[in-house]
N, C-alpha and C. Protein backbone atom coordinates (compact mmCIF):
# COMPACT_ATOMS: atom_id res chain seq x y z
N UNK A 1 -8.75 20.22 -24.64
CA UNK A 1 -8.47 19.10 -24.23
C UNK A 1 -7.78 19.45 -22.60
N UNK A 2 -8.78 18.81 -21.92
CA UNK A 2 -7.86 18.78 -20.66
C UNK A 2 -7.18 18.22 -19.80
N UNK A 3 -6.76 17.83 -19.32
CA UNK A 3 -5.44 16.78 -19.05
C UNK A 3 -5.22 17.07 -17.51
N UNK A 4 -5.53 15.96 -16.74
CA UNK A 4 -5.60 16.14 -15.20
C UNK A 4 -4.58 15.47 -14.90
N UNK A 5 -4.07 16.42 -13.59
CA UNK A 5 -3.06 15.75 -12.93
C UNK A 5 -3.21 15.37 -11.58
N UNK A 6 -2.64 13.65 -11.26
CA UNK A 6 -3.21 13.27 -10.10
C UNK A 6 -1.53 13.53 -9.11
N UNK A 7 -2.89 14.03 -8.01
CA UNK A 7 -1.45 14.67 -6.99
C UNK A 7 -1.32 14.52 -6.09
N UNK A 8 -2.39 13.35 -5.48
CA UNK A 8 -2.36 12.69 -4.14
C UNK A 8 -3.41 11.37 -4.59
N UNK A 9 -3.25 10.61 -3.23
CA UNK A 9 -3.45 8.72 -3.34
C UNK A 9 -4.08 8.75 -2.49
N UNK A 10 -5.13 7.80 -1.88
CA UNK A 10 -5.77 7.50 -0.86
C UNK A 10 -5.82 6.51 -0.44
N UNK A 11 -5.17 5.76 0.56
CA UNK A 11 -5.29 4.12 0.55
C UNK A 11 -6.29 4.16 1.31
N UNK A 12 -7.01 3.12 1.65
CA UNK A 12 -8.20 2.29 2.07
C UNK A 12 -8.45 1.12 2.39
N UNK A 13 -8.19 0.38 2.84
CA UNK A 13 -9.13 -0.76 3.38
C UNK A 13 -9.67 -1.37 2.97
N UNK A 14 -9.83 -2.27 2.25
CA UNK A 14 -10.96 -3.16 1.19
C UNK A 14 -12.33 -2.81 2.47
N UNK A 15 -13.41 -2.16 1.94
CA UNK A 15 -14.39 -2.09 2.49
C UNK A 15 -15.41 -3.70 2.57
N UNK A 16 -15.92 -3.86 3.51
CA UNK A 16 -16.56 -4.60 4.62
C UNK A 16 -16.47 -6.20 4.19
N UNK A 17 -14.68 -6.21 4.65
CA UNK A 17 -14.05 -7.20 5.09
C UNK A 17 -13.00 -7.36 5.98
N UNK A 18 -13.10 -7.45 6.95
CA UNK A 18 -12.52 -7.02 8.34
C UNK A 18 -10.84 -7.66 8.02
N UNK A 19 -10.72 -8.89 7.08
CA UNK A 19 -9.68 -9.83 6.89
C UNK A 19 -9.08 -9.01 5.87
N UNK A 20 -9.60 -8.11 5.56
CA UNK A 20 -8.66 -7.56 4.12
C UNK A 20 -7.35 -6.98 4.25
N UNK A 21 -6.99 -6.94 5.64
CA UNK A 21 -5.39 -6.37 6.01
C UNK A 21 -5.09 -7.10 7.26
N UNK A 22 -4.63 -8.25 7.22
CA UNK A 22 -4.05 -9.56 8.26
C UNK A 22 -2.60 -9.75 7.83
N UNK A 23 -1.54 -8.87 8.12
CA UNK A 23 -0.58 -8.99 7.91
C UNK A 23 0.50 -9.61 8.70
N UNK A 24 0.53 -9.48 10.07
CA UNK A 24 1.24 -9.78 11.37
C UNK A 24 0.62 -9.63 12.50
N UNK A 25 0.08 -10.94 12.86
CA UNK A 25 -0.60 -11.28 14.82
C UNK A 25 -1.47 -12.23 14.05
N UNK A 26 -1.85 -12.25 15.43
CA UNK A 26 -2.21 -13.99 15.56
C UNK A 26 -4.35 -13.72 15.58
N UNK A 27 -4.03 -14.11 13.99
CA UNK A 27 -5.95 -13.62 13.19
C UNK A 27 -7.28 -14.52 14.70
N UNK A 28 -6.48 -15.67 14.25
CA UNK A 28 -7.26 -16.90 14.87
C UNK A 28 -7.48 -16.42 16.65
N UNK A 29 -6.49 -15.78 17.46
CA UNK A 29 -6.31 -15.64 18.70
C UNK A 29 -6.96 -14.38 18.55
N UNK A 30 -7.88 -13.01 17.74
CA UNK A 30 -7.89 -12.10 17.72
C UNK A 30 -9.10 -12.08 17.93
N UNK A 31 -9.30 -10.68 19.11
CA UNK A 31 -10.87 -10.40 19.23
C UNK A 31 -11.70 -9.93 18.00
N UNK A 32 -12.81 -10.66 17.33
CA UNK A 32 -13.34 -10.59 16.13
C UNK A 32 -13.86 -8.59 15.80
N UNK A 33 -14.20 -8.09 17.13
CA UNK A 33 -14.27 -6.52 16.96
C UNK A 33 -13.29 -5.55 16.68
N UNK A 34 -11.67 -6.49 16.81
CA UNK A 34 -10.59 -5.54 16.47
C UNK A 34 -10.03 -5.93 15.08
N UNK A 35 -10.68 -6.71 14.44
CA UNK A 35 -9.88 -7.17 12.86
C UNK A 35 -10.14 -6.21 12.20
N UNK A 36 -9.52 -5.86 11.49
CA UNK A 36 -10.26 -4.39 10.05
C UNK A 36 -9.97 -3.19 10.65
N UNK A 37 -9.62 -2.70 12.12
CA UNK A 37 -10.06 -1.14 12.82
C UNK A 37 -8.87 -0.82 12.99
N UNK A 38 -8.92 0.23 13.46
CA UNK A 38 -7.82 1.14 13.79
C UNK A 38 -7.12 0.38 14.70
N UNK A 39 -7.89 0.03 15.70
CA UNK A 39 -7.42 -0.61 17.03
C UNK A 39 -6.56 -1.99 16.90
N UNK A 40 -6.96 -2.81 15.36
CA UNK A 40 -5.60 -3.69 15.35
C UNK A 40 -4.43 -3.54 14.42
N UNK A 41 -4.83 -1.76 13.98
CA UNK A 41 -3.47 -1.28 12.94
C UNK A 41 -2.39 -1.06 13.51
N UNK A 42 -0.85 -1.85 13.30
CA UNK A 42 0.19 -1.29 13.44
C UNK A 42 1.02 -0.68 12.89
N UNK A 43 1.47 0.26 13.34
CA UNK A 43 2.80 0.98 12.13
C UNK A 43 3.90 1.36 12.96
N UNK A 44 4.96 1.90 12.18
CA UNK A 44 6.36 2.13 12.80
C UNK A 44 7.00 1.10 12.59
N UNK A 45 8.12 1.28 13.78
CA UNK A 45 8.80 0.64 14.17
C UNK A 45 8.44 -1.30 14.76
N UNK A 46 7.48 -0.94 15.14
CA UNK A 46 6.54 -2.19 15.23
C UNK A 46 6.66 -3.54 14.12
N UNK A 47 6.36 -2.58 13.21
CA UNK A 47 6.69 -3.81 11.83
C UNK A 47 7.50 -3.81 11.53
N UNK A 48 8.03 -5.57 11.78
CA UNK A 48 9.72 -5.42 11.74
C UNK A 48 9.58 -6.96 10.66
N UNK A 49 8.53 -7.81 10.53
CA UNK A 49 8.46 -8.67 9.65
C UNK A 49 8.00 -8.60 8.40
N UNK A 50 6.37 -8.64 8.41
CA UNK A 50 5.61 -8.24 7.11
C UNK A 50 5.14 -6.93 7.27
N UNK A 51 5.42 -6.01 5.94
CA UNK A 51 4.40 -4.97 6.18
C UNK A 51 4.67 -4.13 5.01
N UNK A 52 3.67 -3.34 4.57
CA UNK A 52 3.40 -2.47 3.98
C UNK A 52 4.11 -1.25 3.57
N UNK A 53 4.46 -0.62 3.02
CA UNK A 53 5.21 0.59 2.90
C UNK A 53 4.84 1.78 1.96
N UNK A 54 4.90 2.75 2.63
CA UNK A 54 3.75 3.80 1.50
C UNK A 54 4.43 5.13 2.00
N UNK A 55 5.35 5.74 1.05
CA UNK A 55 6.29 6.82 1.24
C UNK A 55 5.18 7.77 1.60
N UNK A 56 5.67 8.73 2.90
CA UNK A 56 4.72 9.88 3.03
C UNK A 56 3.62 10.10 3.72
N UNK A 57 2.91 9.22 3.98
CA UNK A 57 2.00 9.69 4.20
C UNK A 57 1.24 10.32 5.25
N UNK A 58 0.20 10.75 5.41
CA UNK A 58 -0.52 11.59 5.90
C UNK A 58 -2.10 11.35 6.28
N UNK A 59 -2.68 11.62 7.05
CA UNK A 59 -4.21 11.69 7.73
C UNK A 59 -4.65 11.95 6.19
N UNK A 60 -5.86 11.46 6.29
CA UNK A 60 -6.77 12.42 5.06
C UNK A 60 -7.62 12.81 5.79
N UNK A 61 -7.66 14.39 5.30
CA UNK A 61 -8.61 15.50 5.79
C UNK A 61 -8.27 16.61 7.06
N UNK A 62 -6.97 15.96 7.60
CA UNK A 62 -6.26 16.87 8.73
C UNK A 62 -4.90 16.87 8.13
N UNK A 63 -3.96 16.07 7.16
CA UNK A 63 -2.89 16.00 6.83
C UNK A 63 -1.72 16.02 7.73
N UNK A 64 -2.35 15.57 9.02
CA UNK A 64 -1.41 15.19 10.23
C UNK A 64 -0.21 14.32 9.77
N UNK A 65 1.06 14.13 9.70
CA UNK A 65 1.98 13.32 9.10
C UNK A 65 2.25 12.10 9.82
N UNK A 66 1.69 11.20 9.63
CA UNK A 66 1.94 9.87 9.89
C UNK A 66 3.17 9.36 11.24
N UNK A 67 4.14 10.08 10.56
CA UNK A 67 5.59 10.16 11.22
C UNK A 67 6.19 8.46 11.20
N UNK A 68 5.77 7.67 9.97
CA UNK A 68 6.34 6.18 9.91
C UNK A 68 5.69 6.30 8.45
N UNK A 69 5.90 5.22 7.63
CA UNK A 69 5.85 5.13 6.01
C UNK A 69 5.01 3.48 6.02
N UNK A 70 5.62 2.36 7.33
CA UNK A 70 5.19 1.01 7.73
C UNK A 70 4.25 0.63 8.62
N UNK A 71 3.48 0.20 7.86
CA UNK A 71 1.80 -0.85 8.16
C UNK A 71 1.96 -1.59 8.39
N UNK A 72 1.26 -2.65 9.00
CA UNK A 72 1.30 -3.69 9.39
C UNK A 72 -0.11 -4.52 10.69
N UNK A 73 -0.04 -5.12 11.38
CA UNK A 73 -0.71 -5.68 11.84
C UNK A 73 -2.19 -6.40 11.43
N UNK A 74 -3.48 -5.87 12.08
CA UNK A 74 -4.65 -6.81 11.53
C UNK A 74 -5.43 -5.38 11.80
N UNK A 75 -5.35 -4.59 10.97
CA UNK A 75 -6.14 -3.57 10.00
C UNK A 75 -5.17 -2.06 9.64
N UNK A 76 -5.91 -1.61 9.01
CA UNK A 76 -5.07 -0.66 8.10
C UNK A 76 -6.04 0.56 8.30
N UNK A 77 -4.89 2.00 8.88
CA UNK A 77 -6.10 3.52 9.03
C UNK A 77 -5.55 3.82 8.03
N UNK A 78 -6.57 4.73 7.18
CA UNK A 78 -6.35 5.18 5.93
C UNK A 78 -5.67 5.98 5.44
N UNK A 79 -4.47 6.66 4.94
CA UNK A 79 -3.93 7.69 4.51
C UNK A 79 -3.58 8.23 3.28
N UNK A 80 -2.91 9.26 3.06
CA UNK A 80 -3.15 9.79 1.59
C UNK A 80 -1.29 9.99 1.84
N UNK A 81 -0.99 9.98 0.46
CA UNK A 81 0.59 10.56 -0.13
C UNK A 81 0.43 10.90 -1.22
N UNK A 82 1.31 11.76 -1.58
CA UNK A 82 1.32 12.71 -2.56
C UNK A 82 3.19 12.55 -3.33
N UNK A 83 3.34 11.92 -2.58
CA UNK A 83 5.11 10.98 -3.02
C UNK A 83 4.77 10.48 -4.28
N UNK A 84 5.51 11.25 -5.30
CA UNK A 84 5.74 10.35 -6.55
C UNK A 84 7.15 9.79 -6.58
N UNK A 85 7.12 8.61 -7.58
CA UNK A 85 5.97 8.29 -8.55
C UNK A 85 5.31 7.72 -7.21
N UNK A 86 3.90 6.97 -7.53
CA UNK A 86 3.20 6.59 -6.70
C UNK A 86 3.29 5.02 -6.53
N UNK A 87 3.83 4.56 -5.14
CA UNK A 87 4.43 3.49 -5.43
C UNK A 87 3.90 3.43 -4.24
N UNK A 88 3.86 1.72 -3.49
CA UNK A 88 3.15 0.76 -2.63
C UNK A 88 4.23 -0.22 -2.62
N UNK A 89 5.37 -0.43 -1.33
CA UNK A 89 6.29 -1.26 -1.20
C UNK A 89 5.50 -2.50 -0.68
N UNK A 90 5.92 -3.93 -0.70
CA UNK A 90 5.22 -5.05 0.39
C UNK A 90 7.07 -5.40 0.92
N UNK A 91 7.37 -6.15 2.12
CA UNK A 91 8.04 -6.77 2.87
C UNK A 91 7.53 -7.55 3.60
N UNK A 92 8.27 -8.96 3.35
CA UNK A 92 7.95 -10.04 4.24
C UNK A 92 9.19 -10.89 4.29
N UNK A 93 8.97 -11.73 5.07
CA UNK A 93 10.05 -12.82 5.36
C UNK A 93 9.26 -13.78 6.00
N UNK A 94 10.33 -14.92 6.28
CA UNK A 94 9.85 -16.40 5.98
C UNK A 94 9.58 -16.66 7.33
N UNK A 95 9.55 -16.14 8.74
CA UNK A 95 9.35 -16.44 9.54
C UNK A 95 8.13 -16.14 10.31
N UNK A 96 7.38 -17.29 9.93
CA UNK A 96 5.68 -16.39 10.72
C UNK A 96 5.60 -17.54 12.21
N UNK A 97 6.07 -17.65 12.90
CA UNK A 97 6.81 -18.02 13.92
C UNK A 97 6.74 -17.04 15.01
N UNK A 98 6.82 -17.09 16.36
CA UNK A 98 7.04 -16.29 17.87
C UNK A 98 8.35 -16.04 17.47
N UNK A 99 9.09 -14.73 18.36
CA UNK A 99 10.07 -14.77 17.96
C UNK A 99 10.52 -13.81 19.26
N UNK A 100 11.46 -12.66 19.52
CA UNK A 100 11.56 -12.17 21.05
C UNK A 100 11.18 -11.24 20.59
N UNK A 101 11.01 -10.92 19.30
CA UNK A 101 10.16 -9.14 18.96
C UNK A 101 8.91 -9.04 18.28
N UNK A 102 8.45 -10.21 17.81
CA UNK A 102 7.21 -10.09 17.27
C UNK A 102 6.51 -11.33 17.62
N UNK A 103 4.72 -11.46 18.27
CA UNK A 103 4.07 -12.48 18.39
C UNK A 103 4.10 -13.32 16.68
N UNK A 104 3.13 -14.77 16.80
CA UNK A 104 3.31 -15.50 15.99
C UNK A 104 2.54 -14.71 14.78
N UNK A 105 2.56 -15.34 13.96
CA UNK A 105 1.88 -15.01 12.48
C UNK A 105 0.88 -16.44 12.30
N UNK A 106 -0.70 -16.15 12.33
CA UNK A 106 -1.43 -17.38 12.49
C UNK A 106 -2.76 -16.94 11.73
N UNK A 107 -2.88 -17.77 10.61
CA UNK A 107 -3.81 -17.15 9.50
C UNK A 107 -4.23 -15.76 8.97
N UNK A 108 -2.65 -15.11 8.98
CA UNK A 108 -2.96 -14.18 7.91
C UNK A 108 -3.23 -14.41 6.80
N UNK A 109 -4.03 -13.48 6.17
CA UNK A 109 -4.38 -14.04 4.04
C UNK A 109 -3.48 -12.57 3.59
N UNK A 110 -3.14 -11.59 4.00
CA UNK A 110 -2.34 -11.20 3.54
C UNK A 110 -2.90 -9.26 3.45
N UNK A 111 -3.29 -8.83 2.28
CA UNK A 111 -3.68 -7.04 2.59
C UNK A 111 -4.55 -6.83 1.03
N UNK A 112 -5.37 -6.29 1.18
CA UNK A 112 -6.49 -6.09 0.21
C UNK A 112 -6.86 -4.52 0.41
N UNK A 113 -6.11 -3.40 -0.98
CA UNK A 113 -6.74 -2.00 -0.32
C UNK A 113 -6.55 -1.42 -1.17
N UNK A 114 -7.89 -0.55 -1.23
CA UNK A 114 -8.26 0.40 -2.42
C UNK A 114 -7.37 1.36 -2.17
N UNK A 115 -7.38 2.39 -3.60
CA UNK A 115 -7.14 3.45 -3.49
C UNK A 115 -7.74 4.82 -4.30
N UNK A 116 -7.85 5.66 -4.33
CA UNK A 116 -8.81 7.21 -5.13
C UNK A 116 -7.69 7.55 -5.41
N UNK A 117 -7.48 8.56 -6.35
CA UNK A 117 -6.63 9.51 -6.79
C UNK A 117 -7.32 10.52 -7.00
N UNK A 118 -6.96 11.63 -6.59
CA UNK A 118 -7.05 13.37 -6.25
C UNK A 118 -6.44 14.04 -7.74
N UNK A 119 -7.44 14.05 -8.62
CA UNK A 119 -7.12 15.03 -9.41
C UNK A 119 -7.16 16.76 -8.94
N UNK A 120 -6.19 17.11 -9.76
CA UNK A 120 -6.37 18.84 -9.44
C UNK A 120 -6.64 19.42 -10.78
């Protein structure tokens, strides 16, 4: 019997749904061509209120380090990780209004990510 070990997970935004990653920002005020795209994606220090944490992410294909583990905004750029155990954290707060450091959160729906396990 061959036993596969999973070394990498690749996280992707749910296909065919531009609203599948809307954690922070104004969905109603956003240009619809931005929703669900890399243009709408935000990461790093700009993610201060509601965000997803994926440990040690790199870009699929190039393996370029993303240099942050926080993802928020109105879109998601696919990342992969080999950090074990495989975990994904979600951080939220109760503030949905505008603050000095962030725009208001309007009509956000949360997120739906898919993942693929890469075996060796």
